Structure formats: structure tokens, C-alpha cells
Amino acid sequence: MINKYGFPIVAAGGMGYFIYYVWTWVTTEIKPVIGQANGTLIALIDRIRMLDNDLIRLNQKVETVMELRGKTIEYERIKAEHEINKVSEENPTPIGPKRRATKEEIKDASGD
């Protein structure tokens, strides 16, 4: 065949067949797999977006709870401080380094 047509013509025919074979293999074997992988990729991206939105909402809820809990803790601290430093009519000096609490004041503070 090479003697009749020459090497360049035979090589071009072989390359043409090789290109045809690769093209049919890609379109029959690879293209459906790529389409399926593309669908899976889109589904995964949607799930990631949903998880991201869930994380954003959860983070906002945690920040709100922490803010409200911080206000509650601050309120309880101020209330306890007022209770500790409450000036009674019998003892005008607040409880601290200059005056010790009496047994009745300790009992009242413990709630018993």
C-alpha cells in the first residue's frame, strides 16, 4: 500500500482512522460519564450552599443567645452586687472589709 500511494497518504489515512476511533470512543463512553458527574457536582454544590446557609443561621442564633445570656448574667451580677452592698437600717456600713456579715444576713442571702 505504501508503494502504491506513498507514505504520507497512508499515514494520513491511519491518522484519520485514529481520530475517528477516538472521537467515537469519547462520544459513546466518556460523554455520558461526564454528564453524570456534572449532575452529581451540581447536587453537591447545592448541598454545600444549603449547609453554608444553615451555618450562617446557626451562627446568628448563637450570637443572639450569647448576647442575651450576657445581658442576663450582667443583670444577675448587678442584682447580687446590690444585695451584697445593701445598706440596712441596723447596719449603715455595707458588708466588706470594714464590716462582717451577721448570721442573719448570711441566712437571708442564702435563701434558707
Protein backbone atom coordinates (compact mmCIF):
# COMPACT_ATOMS: atom_id res chain seq x y z
CA MET A 1 0.00 0.00 0.00
CA ILE A 2 2.87 2.36 0.79
CA ASN A 3 4.45 1.52 -2.63
CA LYS A 4 1.19 2.30 -4.43
CA TYR A 5 0.08 5.53 -2.60
CA GLY A 6 3.16 6.68 -0.70
CA PHE A 7 3.85 7.04 3.00
CA PRO A 8 2.22 10.46 3.56
CA ILE A 9 -1.11 9.33 2.11
CA VAL A 10 -1.15 6.07 4.11
CA ALA A 11 -0.11 7.94 7.28
CA ALA A 12 -2.91 10.48 6.73
CA GLY A 13 -5.43 7.66 6.30
CA GLY A 14 -4.18 5.97 9.50
CA MET A 15 -4.39 9.24 11.41
CA GLY A 16 -7.91 9.80 10.09
CA TYR A 17 -8.99 6.36 11.34
CA PHE A 18 -7.29 7.00 14.70
CA ILE A 19 -9.12 10.33 15.06
CA TYR A 20 -12.44 8.67 14.13
CA TYR A 21 -11.85 5.86 16.66
CA VAL A 22 -11.01 8.32 19.49
CA TRP A 23 -14.00 10.52 18.63
CA THR A 24 -16.46 7.60 18.69
CA TRP A 25 -14.95 6.30 21.96
CA VAL A 26 -15.23 9.72 23.61
CA THR A 27 -18.81 10.27 22.48
CA THR A 28 -20.02 6.78 23.46
CA GLU A 29 -18.02 6.11 26.63
CA ILE A 30 -16.78 9.37 28.14
CA LYS A 31 -19.53 11.88 27.38
CA PRO A 32 -22.28 10.09 29.38
CA VAL A 33 -19.96 9.70 32.37
CA ILE A 34 -19.08 13.41 32.24
CA GLY A 35 -22.78 14.30 32.09
CA GLN A 36 -23.49 12.13 35.13
CA ALA A 37 -20.54 13.63 37.02
CA ASN A 38 -21.78 17.12 36.13
CA GLY A 39 -25.20 16.32 37.64
CA THR A 40 -23.55 14.99 40.80
CA LEU A 41 -21.36 18.09 41.01
CA ILE A 42 -24.39 20.39 40.76
CA ALA A 43 -26.16 18.41 43.52
CA LEU A 44 -23.09 18.67 45.77
CA ILE A 45 -22.79 22.42 45.18
CA ASP A 46 -26.46 22.83 46.15
CA ARG A 47 -25.87 20.85 49.35
CA ILE A 48 -22.83 22.98 50.20
CA ARG A 49 -24.89 26.14 49.73
CA MET A 50 -27.62 24.75 52.00
CA LEU A 51 -25.03 23.86 54.66
CA ASP A 52 -23.50 27.32 54.37
CA ASN A 53 -26.90 28.94 54.87
CA ASP A 54 -27.55 26.65 57.84
CA LEU A 55 -24.21 27.61 59.37
CA ILE A 56 -24.96 31.30 58.91
CA ARG A 57 -28.36 30.93 60.59
CA LEU A 58 -26.89 28.86 63.42
CA ASN A 59 -24.13 31.39 63.96
CA GLN A 60 -26.70 34.20 64.18
CA LYS A 61 -28.71 32.21 66.72
CA VAL A 62 -25.62 31.50 68.83
CA GLU A 63 -24.63 35.19 68.76
CA THR A 64 -28.15 36.18 69.83
CA VAL A 65 -28.18 33.66 72.67
CA MET A 66 -24.73 34.74 73.81
CA GLU A 67 -25.78 38.39 73.73
CA LEU A 68 -28.99 37.71 75.68
CA ARG A 69 -27.18 35.44 78.12
CA GLY A 70 -24.53 38.11 78.63
CA LYS A 71 -27.24 40.65 79.46
CA THR A 72 -28.83 38.17 81.87
CA ILE A 73 -25.51 37.48 83.56
CA GLU A 74 -24.81 41.21 83.82
CA TYR A 75 -28.28 41.80 85.32
CA GLU A 76 -27.78 38.98 87.83
CA ARG A 77 -24.34 40.34 88.75
CA ILE A 78 -25.70 43.83 89.34
CA LYS A 79 -28.61 42.46 91.37
CA ALA A 80 -26.27 40.35 93.52
CA GLU A 81 -23.95 43.31 93.97
CA HIS A 82 -26.85 45.44 95.18
CA GLU A 83 -27.90 42.68 97.55
CA ILE A 84 -24.38 42.38 98.94
CA ASN A 85 -23.88 46.11 99.27
CA LYS A 86 -27.38 46.79 100.54
CA VAL A 87 -27.29 49.20 103.40
CA SER A 88 -29.63 48.08 106.13
CA GLU A 89 -31.17 50.32 108.71
CA GLU A 90 -29.46 48.46 111.56
CA ASN A 91 -26.01 48.46 109.93
CA PRO A 92 -25.34 51.62 107.90
CA THR A 93 -21.94 50.32 106.76
CA PRO A 94 -22.09 47.91 103.78
CA ILE A 95 -20.63 44.44 104.12
CA GLY A 96 -16.99 44.49 103.11
CA PRO A 97 -13.54 44.89 104.63
CA LYS A 98 -14.82 47.25 107.35
CA ARG A 99 -17.80 45.15 108.46
CA ARG A 100 -18.56 41.41 108.53
CA ALA A 101 -21.96 39.98 107.70
CA THR A 102 -24.09 38.79 110.59
CA LYS A 103 -25.51 35.28 110.78
CA GLU A 104 -28.97 36.60 109.92
CA GLU A 105 -27.64 38.39 106.81
CA ILE A 106 -25.85 35.24 105.68
CA LYS A 107 -29.01 33.20 106.24
CA ASP A 108 -31.12 35.75 104.33
CA ALA A 109 -28.64 35.83 101.43
CA SER A 110 -28.59 32.02 101.14
CA GLY A 111 -32.38 31.93 100.87
CA ASP A 112 -32.92 29.42 103.69
